[in-house]
Amino acid sequence: MLDQELELLKKKLEILELKQRISSLENPTTATVRQPAKIKFEEFSGDEADHIVRWYTQLERTFIPYKMDDATMLYNTRRLLTGTAGVYARSIDVTSYDELKAEFIKTFSKNRSVEGVYKQLRTRRLNRNESMTRYVLEMQALAFEAPIPEEELINIIIDGIGDPINTATFSFAAKTVEELKALLKKYEQIRPRDVATSALPSSGTIRQPNKGGKETNVIQQAIRCYNCSKYGHYQSSCPSPRRPTGSCFACHEMGHINRNCPRRISSTSAAFQQDERELECAQPIQ
């Protein structure tokens, strides 16, 4: 009796399995293909002044929250390539994100000299209707193309504002660009909108007589030496001794920067305290 029941159950099981196989053959399930995540990011064309290394650095920061695999990063990168970059991407045979990145950096990277980047930074001026945030961010983007010490970038940004009266103490108060941004947010509230966008620091001004014998101010080209930090010449024609890379501008010694130089701290501390008091009550010049 027990054997008959077992045999009957086996037959029922075989029948159920057969029904399931028949059902799967008659109604095949459609596999769901998951579309890769699409991100929004600025396109790269390679036709103008695009900087491929900076573009890839910012793109990869955008990838981080999505935790993308190699195939998805490759897919998104190809979507963002236009113009000459798009044509080049279609002409090369790459199968991974790293391969594509290596090919593009090799083809589109621009070897710019440090002196060229300095010149571009010093000719960049704060526009009349430009926000301080945009101005600083664009200066940072330019500085990304060369190893510009942060202390020097801070001084260049301040020079480009063209308002030495109200920004005189910023180079002493800000030790990083982030600290400078905080100061400039407060400065935005008192910023005089009639400051000439071509204004230069007083150290870049010379005087020469005109035809009538009277002296007139002549603004030198916005150039500054990377060796001695003075205006009016480039590093290649600097008369001062060659300064070791990364050393102090004031004494040419390693281990500290110009702001913390022992030779100038004693002479600037009193002036700095006075400048801080003046900054607190600074008002735009009408």
C-alpha atoms as a PDB file:
ATOM      1  CA  MET A   1       0.000   0.000   0.000  1.00  0.00           C
ATOM      2  CA  LEU A   2       2.807   2.373   0.916  1.00  0.00           C
ATOM      3  CA  ASP A   3       4.694   1.587  -2.262  1.00  0.00           C
ATOM      4  CA  GLN A   4       1.657   2.412  -4.355  1.00  0.00           C
ATOM      5  CA  GLU A   5       1.299   5.831  -2.689  1.00  0.00           C
ATOM      6  CA  LEU A   6       4.950   6.628  -3.275  1.00  0.00           C
ATOM      7  CA  GLU A   7       4.677   5.676  -6.900  1.00  0.00           C
ATOM      8  CA  LEU A   8       1.616   7.888  -7.254  1.00  0.00           C
ATOM      9  CA  LEU A   9       3.398  10.888  -5.694  1.00  0.00           C
ATOM     10  CA  LYS A  10       6.366  10.456  -8.026  1.00  0.00           C
ATOM     11  CA  LYS A  11       4.079  10.512 -11.028  1.00  0.00           C
ATOM     12  CA  LYS A  12       2.372  13.687  -9.745  1.00  0.00           C
ATOM     13  CA  LEU A  13       5.765  15.323  -9.279  1.00  0.00           C
ATOM     14  CA  GLU A  14       6.805  14.380 -12.808  1.00  0.00           C
ATOM     15  CA  ILE A  15       3.566  15.810 -14.142  1.00  0.00           C
ATOM     16  CA  LEU A  16       4.102  19.126 -12.293  1.00  0.00           C
ATOM     17  CA  GLU A  17       7.668  19.433 -13.604  1.00  0.00           C
ATOM     18  CA  LEU A  18       6.482  18.763 -17.124  1.00  0.00           C
ATOM     19  CA  LYS A  19       3.789  21.434 -16.796  1.00  0.00           C
ATOM     20  CA  GLN A  20       6.347  23.986 -15.594  1.00  0.00           C
ATOM     21  CA  ARG A  21       8.674  23.241 -18.508  1.00  0.00           C
ATOM     22  CA  ILE A  22       5.810  23.510 -20.983  1.00  0.00           C
ATOM     23  CA  SER A  23       4.707  26.823 -19.436  1.00  0.00           C
ATOM     24  CA  SER A  24       8.253  28.274 -19.629  1.00  0.00           C
ATOM     25  CA  LEU A  25       8.490  27.267 -23.288  1.00  0.00           C
ATOM     26  CA  GLU A  26       5.095  28.744 -24.167  1.00  0.00           C
ATOM     27  CA  ASN A  27       5.622  32.003 -22.238  1.00  0.00           C
ATOM     28  CA  PRO A  28       9.364  32.852 -22.243  1.00  0.00           C
ATOM     29  CA  THR A  29      10.286  35.658 -19.830  1.00  0.00           C
ATOM     30  CA  THR A  30      11.921  38.722 -21.370  1.00  0.00           C
ATOM     31  CA  ALA A  31      15.235  39.480 -19.662  1.00  0.00           C
ATOM     32  CA  THR A  32      15.350  42.997 -18.257  1.00  0.00           C
ATOM     33  CA  VAL A  33      18.376  44.899 -19.489  1.00  0.00           C
ATOM     34  CA  ARG A  34      19.440  47.571 -16.979  1.00  0.00           C
ATOM     35  CA  GLN A  35      20.382  50.783 -18.690  1.00  0.00           C
ATOM     36  CA  PRO A  36      23.642  52.371 -17.537  1.00  0.00           C
ATOM     37  CA  ALA A  37      23.309  55.387 -15.261  1.00  0.00           C
ATOM     38  CA  LYS A  38      23.523  58.661 -17.176  1.00  0.00           C
ATOM     39  CA  ILE A  39      25.164  61.667 -15.576  1.00  0.00           C
ATOM     40  CA  LYS A  40      25.000  65.331 -16.443  1.00  0.00           C
ATOM     41  CA  PHE A  41      28.392  66.924 -16.954  1.00  0.00           C
ATOM     42  CA  GLU A  42      30.065  69.460 -19.228  1.00  0.00           C
ATOM     43  CA  GLU A  43      31.017  68.117 -22.637  1.00  0.00           C
ATOM     44  CA  PHE A  44      34.584  67.983 -23.944  1.00  0.00           C
ATOM     45  CA  SER A  45      35.261  68.959 -27.549  1.00  0.00           C
ATOM     46  CA  GLY A  46      39.003  69.528 -27.655  1.00  0.00           C
ATOM     47  CA  ASP A  47      38.397  72.377 -30.115  1.00  0.00           C
ATOM     48  CA  GLU A  48      39.086  75.328 -27.832  1.00  0.00           C
ATOM     49  CA  ALA A  49      40.992  75.927 -24.582  1.00  0.00           C
ATOM     50  CA  ASP A  50      39.692  72.750 -22.929  1.00  0.00           C
ATOM     51  CA  HIS A  51      42.108  71.249 -20.453  1.00  0.00           C
ATOM     52  CA  ILE A  52      41.800  67.461 -20.658  1.00  0.00           C
ATOM     53  CA  VAL A  53      43.501  66.633 -17.328  1.00  0.00           C
ATOM     54  CA  ARG A  54      41.312  69.053 -15.374  1.00  0.00           C
ATOM     55  CA  TRP A  55      38.222  67.798 -17.239  1.00  0.00           C
ATOM     56  CA  TYR A  56      38.978  64.169 -16.349  1.00  0.00           C
ATOM     57  CA  THR A  57      39.698  65.069 -12.709  1.00  0.00           C
ATOM     58  CA  GLN A  58      36.345  66.798 -12.335  1.00  0.00           C
ATOM     59  CA  LEU A  59      34.538  64.034 -14.257  1.00  0.00           C
ATOM     60  CA  GLU A  60      35.913  61.319 -11.980  1.00  0.00           C
ATOM     61  CA  ARG A  61      34.799  63.282  -8.926  1.00  0.00           C
ATOM     62  CA  THR A  62      31.312  63.249 -10.426  1.00  0.00           C
ATOM     63  CA  PHE A  63      31.509  59.468 -10.892  1.00  0.00           C
ATOM     64  CA  ILE A  64      32.260  58.756  -7.210  1.00  0.00           C
ATOM     65  CA  PRO A  65      28.683  58.880  -5.754  1.00  0.00           C
ATOM     66  CA  TYR A  66      27.378  56.537  -8.472  1.00  0.00           C
ATOM     67  CA  LYS A  67      29.945  53.777  -7.795  1.00  0.00           C
ATOM     68  CA  MET A  68      30.147  53.027 -11.512  1.00  0.00           C
ATOM     69  CA  ASP A  69      31.935  50.056 -13.001  1.00  0.00           C
ATOM     70  CA  ASP A  70      34.414  50.421 -15.860  1.00  0.00           C
ATOM     71  CA  ALA A  71      31.849  49.823 -18.601  1.00  0.00           C
ATOM     72  CA  THR A  72      29.475  52.480 -17.250  1.00  0.00           C
ATOM     73  CA  MET A  73      32.267  55.068 -16.916  1.00  0.00           C
ATOM     74  CA  LEU A  74      33.334  54.338 -20.494  1.00  0.00           C
ATOM     75  CA  TYR A  75      29.733  54.695 -21.707  1.00  0.00           C
ATOM     76  CA  ASN A  76      29.227  58.049 -19.949  1.00  0.00           C
ATOM     77  CA  THR A  77      32.575  59.446 -21.064  1.00  0.00           C
ATOM     78  CA  ARG A  78      31.839  58.659 -24.726  1.00  0.00           C
ATOM     79  CA  ARG A  79      28.467  60.432 -24.406  1.00  0.00           C
ATOM     80  CA  LEU A  80      30.225  63.646 -23.344  1.00  0.00           C
ATOM     81  CA  LEU A  81      32.712  63.795 -26.216  1.00  0.00           C
ATOM     82  CA  THR A  82      31.836  66.214 -29.008  1.00  0.00           C
ATOM     83  CA  GLY A  83      33.578  68.010 -31.856  1.00  0.00           C
ATOM     84  CA  THR A  84      37.122  66.848 -32.552  1.00  0.00           C
ATOM     85  CA  ALA A  85      37.129  64.748 -29.376  1.00  0.00           C
ATOM     86  CA  GLY A  86      34.030  62.882 -30.559  1.00  0.00           C
ATOM     87  CA  VAL A  87      35.577  62.184 -33.962  1.00  0.00           C
ATOM     88  CA  TYR A  88      38.768  60.943 -32.322  1.00  0.00           C
ATOM     89  CA  ALA A  89      36.849  58.655 -29.931  1.00  0.00           C
ATOM     90  CA  ARG A  90      35.141  56.976 -32.890  1.00  0.00           C
ATOM     91  CA  SER A  91      38.444  56.454 -34.662  1.00  0.00           C
ATOM     92  CA  ILE A  92      40.262  54.548 -31.895  1.00  0.00           C
ATOM     93  CA  ASP A  93      39.704  51.001 -30.682  1.00  0.00           C
ATOM     94  CA  VAL A  94      39.486  50.988 -26.887  1.00  0.00           C
ATOM     95  CA  THR A  95      37.534  48.642 -24.639  1.00  0.00           C
ATOM     96  CA  SER A  96      38.004  50.193 -21.194  1.00  0.00           C
ATOM     97  CA  TYR A  97      37.702  53.550 -19.485  1.00  0.00           C
ATOM     98  CA  ASP A  98      41.406  53.668 -18.581  1.00  0.00           C
ATOM     99  CA  GLU A  99      42.425  53.014 -22.194  1.00  0.00           C
ATOM    100  CA  LEU A 100      40.216  55.840 -23.440  1.00  0.00           C
ATOM    101  CA  LYS A 101      41.530  58.217 -20.771  1.00  0.00           C
ATOM    102  CA  ALA A 102      45.156  57.414 -21.589  1.00  0.00           C
ATOM    103  CA  GLU A 103      44.595  57.988 -25.321  1.00  0.00           C
ATOM    104  CA  PHE A 104      42.844  61.316 -24.749  1.00  0.00           C
ATOM    105  CA  ILE A 105      45.422  62.692 -22.324  1.00  0.00           C
ATOM    106  CA  LYS A 106      48.189  61.733 -24.759  1.00  0.00           C
ATOM    107  CA  THR A 107      46.393  63.427 -27.673  1.00  0.00           C
ATOM    108  CA  PHE A 108      44.740  66.491 -26.136  1.00  0.00           C
ATOM    109  CA  SER A 109      46.995  67.481 -23.223  1.00  0.00           C
ATOM    110  CA  LYS A 110      48.620  70.878 -23.701  1.00  0.00           C
ATOM    111  CA  ASN A 111      52.131  71.369 -22.387  1.00  0.00           C
ATOM    112  CA  ARG A 112      51.964  74.909 -21.069  1.00  0.00           C
ATOM    113  CA  SER A 113      54.949  76.551 -19.426  1.00  0.00           C
ATOM    114  CA  VAL A 114      54.724  77.789 -15.861  1.00  0.00           C
ATOM    115  CA  GLU A 115      55.591  81.261 -17.120  1.00  0.00           C
ATOM    116  CA  GLY A 116      52.717  81.118 -19.617  1.00  0.00           C
ATOM    117  CA  VAL A 117      50.243  80.177 -16.884  1.00  0.00           C
ATOM    118  CA  TYR A 118      51.548  82.999 -14.679  1.00  0.00           C
ATOM    119  CA  LYS A 119      51.065  85.469 -17.524  1.00  0.00           C
ATOM    120  CA  GLN A 120      47.492  84.299 -18.099  1.00  0.00           C
ATOM    121  CA  LEU A 121      46.714  84.530 -14.388  1.00  0.00           C
ATOM    122  CA  ARG A 122      48.105  88.058 -14.093  1.00  0.00           C
ATOM    123  CA  THR A 123      46.231  89.342 -17.127  1.00  0.00           C
ATOM    124  CA  ARG A 124      42.935  87.973 -15.771  1.00  0.00           C
ATOM    125  CA  ARG A 125      41.000  90.790 -14.069  1.00  0.00           C
ATOM    126  CA  LEU A 126      37.794  90.856 -12.072  1.00  0.00           C
ATOM    127  CA  ASN A 127      35.073  92.115 -14.397  1.00  0.00           C
ATOM    128  CA  ARG A 128      32.736  94.873 -13.271  1.00  0.00           C
ATOM    129  CA  ASN A 129      29.600  92.696 -13.021  1.00  0.00           C
ATOM    130  CA  GLU A 130      31.346  89.429 -12.185  1.00  0.00           C
ATOM    131  CA  SER A 131      30.757  87.729  -8.856  1.00  0.00           C
ATOM    132  CA  MET A 132      33.713  87.119  -6.577  1.00  0.00           C
ATOM    133  CA  THR A 133      32.897  83.389  -6.480  1.00  0.00           C
ATOM    134  CA  ARG A 134      33.084  83.000 -10.254  1.00  0.00           C
ATOM    135  CA  TYR A 135      36.262  85.060 -10.456  1.00  0.00           C
ATOM    136  CA  VAL A 136      38.098  82.959  -7.850  1.00  0.00           C
ATOM    137  CA  LEU A 137      36.915  79.661  -9.336  1.00  0.00           C
ATOM    138  CA  GLU A 138      38.161  80.644 -12.795  1.00  0.00           C
ATOM    139  CA  MET A 139      41.512  81.685 -11.336  1.00  0.00           C
ATOM    140  CA  GLN A 140      41.769  78.304  -9.614  1.00  0.00           C
ATOM    141  CA  ALA A 141      40.985  76.574 -12.899  1.00  0.00           C
ATOM    142  CA  LEU A 142      43.789  78.482 -14.626  1.00  0.00           C
ATOM    143  CA  ALA A 143      46.238  77.696 -11.813  1.00  0.00           C
ATOM    144  CA  PHE A 144      45.425  73.992 -12.143  1.00  0.00           C
ATOM    145  CA  GLU A 145      47.516  73.914 -15.320  1.00  0.00           C
ATOM    146  CA  ALA A 146      50.829  74.534 -13.516  1.00  0.00           C
ATOM    147  CA  PRO A 147      52.333  74.004 -10.039  1.00  0.00           C
ATOM    148  CA  ILE A 148      51.403  77.434  -8.669  1.00  0.00           C
ATOM    149  CA  PRO A 149      52.113  77.777  -4.906  1.00  0.00           C
ATOM    150  CA  GLU A 150      48.929  78.624  -3.027  1.00  0.00           C
ATOM    151  CA  GLU A 151      50.463  81.722  -1.411  1.00  0.00           C
ATOM    152  CA  GLU A 152      51.299  83.157  -4.828  1.00  0.00           C
ATOM    153  CA  LEU A 153      47.855  82.326  -6.212  1.00  0.00           C
ATOM    154  CA  ILE A 154      46.268  84.207  -3.304  1.00  0.00           C
ATOM    155  CA  ASN A 155      48.348  87.305  -4.083  1.00  0.00           C
ATOM    156  CA  ILE A 156      47.541  87.092  -7.802  1.00  0.00           C
ATOM    157  CA  ILE A 157      43.806  86.783  -7.103  1.00  0.00           C
ATOM    158  CA  ILE A 158      43.932  89.829  -4.831  1.00  0.00           C
ATOM    159  CA  ASP A 159      45.923  91.822  -7.394  1.00  0.00           C
ATOM    160  CA  GLY A 160      43.344  91.015 -10.064  1.00  0.00           C
ATOM    161  CA  ILE A 161      40.530  92.533  -8.009  1.00  0.00           C
ATOM    162  CA  GLY A 162      42.061  95.967  -8.599  1.00  0.00           C
ATOM    163  CA  ASP A 163      41.020  97.449  -5.240  1.00  0.00           C
ATOM    164  CA  PRO A 164      44.211  97.636  -3.145  1.00  0.00           C
ATOM    165  CA  ILE A 165      42.701  99.994  -0.555  1.00  0.00           C
ATOM    166  CA  ASN A 166      39.969  97.582   0.570  1.00  0.00           C
ATOM    167  CA  THR A 167      41.913  94.341   0.020  1.00  0.00           C
ATOM    168  CA  ALA A 168      45.295  95.356   1.455  1.00  0.00           C
ATOM    169  CA  THR A 169      45.151  92.981   4.433  1.00  0.00           C
ATOM    170  CA  PHE A 170      43.730  89.938   2.651  1.00  0.00           C
ATOM    171  CA  SER A 171      47.132  88.475   1.767  1.00  0.00           C
ATOM    172  CA  PHE A 172      48.056  88.507   5.484  1.00  0.00           C
ATOM    173  CA  ALA A 173      44.716  87.218   6.768  1.00  0.00           C
ATOM    174  CA  ALA A 174      44.191  84.394   4.243  1.00  0.00           C
ATOM    175  CA  LYS A 175      46.623  81.482   4.362  1.00  0.00           C
ATOM    176  CA  THR A 176      44.616  79.333   1.936  1.00  0.00           C
ATOM    177  CA  VAL A 177      42.359  80.008  -1.030  1.00  0.00           C
ATOM    178  CA  GLU A 178      39.400  78.716   0.991  1.00  0.00           C
ATOM    179  CA  GLU A 179      40.098  81.306   3.691  1.00  0.00           C
ATOM    180  CA  LEU A 180      40.371  83.961   0.976  1.00  0.00           C
ATOM    181  CA  LYS A 181      36.950  82.950  -0.369  1.00  0.00           C
ATOM    182  CA  ALA A 182      35.427  83.588   3.062  1.00  0.00           C
ATOM    183  CA  LEU A 183      36.986  87.075   3.168  1.00  0.00           C
ATOM    184  CA  LEU A 184      35.815  87.864  -0.347  1.00  0.00           C
ATOM    185  CA  LYS A 185      32.233  86.939   0.535  1.00  0.00           C
ATOM    186  CA  LYS A 186      32.294  89.761   3.109  1.00  0.00           C
ATOM    187  CA  TYR A 187      34.135  92.036   0.697  1.00  0.00           C
ATOM    188  CA  GLU A 188      31.386  91.459  -1.906  1.00  0.00           C
ATOM    189  CA  GLN A 189      29.030  93.496   0.296  1.00  0.00           C
ATOM    190  CA  ILE A 190      31.221  96.609   0.234  1.00  0.00           C
ATOM    191  CA  ARG A 191      32.786  96.092  -3.164  1.00  0.00           C
ATOM    192  CA  PRO A 192      32.945  99.302  -5.223  1.00  0.00           C
ATOM    193  CA  ARG A 193      31.448  98.568  -8.638  1.00  0.00           C
ATOM    194  CA  ASP A 194      33.287 101.430 -10.322  1.00  0.00           C
ATOM    195  CA  VAL A 195      36.745  99.868  -9.839  1.00  0.00           C
ATOM    196  CA  ALA A 196      38.517  99.792 -13.189  1.00  0.00           C
ATOM    197  CA  THR A 197      38.904  96.225 -14.409  1.00  0.00           C
ATOM    198  CA  SER A 198      42.357  97.002 -15.752  1.00  0.00           C
ATOM    199  CA  ALA A 199      43.725  98.364 -12.479  1.00  0.00           C
ATOM    200  CA  LEU A 200      47.115  97.084 -11.397  1.00  0.00           C
ATOM    201  CA  PRO A 201      49.034  97.147  -8.136  1.00  0.00           C
ATOM    202  CA  SER A 202      51.023 100.282  -7.486  1.00  0.00           C
ATOM    203  CA  SER A 203      54.243  98.298  -7.930  1.00  0.00           C
ATOM    204  CA  GLY A 204      53.351  97.881 -11.576  1.00  0.00           C
ATOM    205  CA  THR A 205      53.070 101.630 -12.234  1.00  0.00           C
ATOM    206  CA  ILE A 206      55.828 103.841 -13.638  1.00  0.00           C
ATOM    207  CA  ARG A 207      55.910 107.521 -14.473  1.00  0.00           C
ATOM    208  CA  GLN A 208      57.217 109.086 -17.652  1.00  0.00           C
ATOM    209  CA  PRO A 209      56.954 112.629 -19.023  1.00  0.00           C
ATOM    210  CA  ASN A 210      54.557 113.384 -21.862  1.00  0.00           C
ATOM    211  CA  LYS A 211      55.162 115.740 -24.760  1.00  0.00           C
ATOM    212  CA  GLY A 212      54.208 118.754 -22.679  1.00  0.00           C
ATOM    213  CA  GLY A 213      56.829 117.951 -20.067  1.00  0.00           C
ATOM    214  CA  LYS A 214      54.253 116.835 -17.441  1.00  0.00           C
ATOM    215  CA  GLU A 215      54.421 113.438 -15.837  1.00  0.00           C
ATOM    216  CA  THR A 216      51.686 110.910 -16.484  1.00  0.00           C
ATOM    217  CA  ASN A 217      51.090 107.490 -15.019  1.00  0.00           C
ATOM    218  CA  VAL A 218      51.799 104.620 -17.374  1.00  0.00           C
ATOM    219  CA  ILE A 219      50.610 101.172 -16.405  1.00  0.00           C
ATOM    220  CA  GLN A 220      53.103  98.466 -17.233  1.00  0.00           C
ATOM    221  CA  GLN A 221      51.981  95.216 -18.708  1.00  0.00           C
ATOM    222  CA  ALA A 222      50.638  92.864 -16.024  1.00  0.00           C
ATOM    223  CA  ILE A 223      53.731  90.721 -15.673  1.00  0.00           C
ATOM    224  CA  ARG A 224      55.384  89.513 -12.508  1.00  0.00           C
ATOM    225  CA  CYS A 225      58.570  87.545 -11.973  1.00  0.00           C
ATOM    226  CA  TYR A 226      58.259  84.005 -10.623  1.00  0.00           C
ATOM    227  CA  ASN A 227      61.788  84.293  -9.201  1.00  0.00           C
ATOM    228  CA  CYS A 228      61.660  87.501  -7.136  1.00  0.00           C
ATOM    229  CA  SER A 229      57.880  88.227  -7.225  1.00  0.00           C
ATOM    230  CA  LYS A 230      58.468  91.793  -8.472  1.00  0.00           C
ATOM    231  CA  TYR A 231      56.544  93.389 -11.325  1.00  0.00           C
ATOM    232  CA  GLY A 232      57.884  94.457 -14.692  1.00  0.00           C
ATOM    233  CA  HIS A 233      59.852  91.431 -15.912  1.00  0.00           C
ATOM    234  CA  TYR A 234      59.707  87.663 -16.305  1.00  0.00           C
ATOM    235  CA  GLN A 235      61.762  85.029 -14.512  1.00  0.00           C
ATOM    236  CA  SER A 236      63.948  84.496 -17.581  1.00  0.00           C
ATOM    237  CA  SER A 237      65.225  88.098 -17.407  1.00  0.00           C
ATOM    238  CA  CYS A 238      65.308  88.474 -13.610  1.00  0.00           C
ATOM    239  CA  PRO A 239      68.500  90.202 -12.361  1.00  0.00           C
ATOM    240  CA  SER A 240      68.221  88.603  -8.908  1.00  0.00           C
ATOM    241  CA  PRO A 241      69.928  85.308  -8.014  1.00  0.00           C
ATOM    242  CA  ARG A 242      67.957  82.202  -8.963  1.00  0.00           C
ATOM    243  CA  ARG A 243      65.517  81.246  -6.214  1.00  0.00           C
ATOM    244  CA  PRO A 244      65.257  77.510  -5.383  1.00  0.00           C
ATOM    245  CA  THR A 245      61.820  76.108  -6.209  1.00  0.00           C
ATOM    246  CA  GLY A 246      59.541  76.221  -3.165  1.00  0.00           C
ATOM    247  CA  SER A 247      61.769  78.568  -1.190  1.00  0.00           C
ATOM    248  CA  CYS A 248      60.832  81.844   0.493  1.00  0.00           C
ATOM    249  CA  PHE A 249      60.585  84.899  -1.791  1.00  0.00           C
ATOM    250  CA  ALA A 250      62.143  87.182   0.817  1.00  0.00           C
ATOM    251  CA  CYS A 251      65.251  85.243   1.868  1.00  0.00           C
ATOM    252  CA  HIS A 252      65.408  82.337  -0.633  1.00  0.00           C
ATOM    253  CA  GLU A 253      65.627  79.806   2.209  1.00  0.00           C
ATOM    254  CA  MET A 254      63.618  76.582   2.504  1.00  0.00           C
ATOM    255  CA  GLY A 255      61.342  75.579   5.372  1.00  0.00           C
ATOM    256  CA  HIS A 256      58.949  78.524   5.372  1.00  0.00           C
ATOM    257  CA  ILE A 257      57.020  80.814   3.029  1.00  0.00           C
ATOM    258  CA  ASN A 258      57.203  84.544   2.455  1.00  0.00           C
ATOM    259  CA  ARG A 259      54.345  85.257   4.868  1.00  0.00           C
ATOM    260  CA  ASN A 260      56.176  83.537   7.735  1.00  0.00           C
ATOM    261  CA  CYS A 261      59.690  84.746   6.905  1.00  0.00           C
ATOM    262  CA  PRO A 262      61.590  85.662  10.120  1.00  0.00           C
ATOM    263  CA  ARG A 263      63.131  88.664   8.335  1.00  0.00           C
ATOM    264  CA  ARG A 264      59.815  90.346   7.697  1.00  0.00           C
ATOM    265  CA  ILE A 265      57.577  89.250  10.577  1.00  0.00           C
ATOM    266  CA  SER A 266      58.991  91.844  12.990  1.00  0.00           C
ATOM    267  CA  SER A 267      58.611  94.698  10.496  1.00  0.00           C
ATOM    268  CA  THR A 268      55.115  93.771   9.331  1.00  0.00           C
ATOM    269  CA  SER A 269      53.414  92.794  12.601  1.00  0.00           C
ATOM    270  CA  ALA A 270      52.618  96.361  13.610  1.00  0.00           C
ATOM    271  CA  ALA A 271      51.417  97.273  10.126  1.00  0.00           C
ATOM    272  CA  PHE A 272      49.296  94.132   9.988  1.00  0.00           C
ATOM    273  CA  GLN A 273      47.518  94.961  13.247  1.00  0.00           C
ATOM    274  CA  GLN A 274      46.768  98.437  11.943  1.00  0.00           C
ATOM    275  CA  ASP A 275      45.501  97.005   8.631  1.00  0.00           C
ATOM    276  CA  GLU A 276      43.205  94.617  10.497  1.00  0.00           C
ATOM    277  CA  ARG A 277      41.625  97.530  12.349  1.00  0.00           C
ATOM    278  CA  GLU A 278      41.193  99.430   9.100  1.00  0.00           C
ATOM    279  CA  LEU A 279      39.607  96.418   7.413  1.00  0.00           C
ATOM    280  CA  GLU A 280      36.903  96.185  10.044  1.00  0.00           C
ATOM    281  CA  CYS A 281      35.659  99.661   9.213  1.00  0.00           C
ATOM    282  CA  ALA A 282      36.603  99.662   5.511  1.00  0.00           C
ATOM    283  CA  GLN A 283      34.055 101.280   3.203  1.00  0.00           C
ATOM    284  CA  PRO A 284      34.110 101.369  -0.592  1.00  0.00           C
ATOM    285  CA  ILE A 285      35.801 104.423  -2.072  1.00  0.00           C
ATOM    286  CA  GLN A 286      33.334 106.592  -3.940  1.00  0.00           C
END
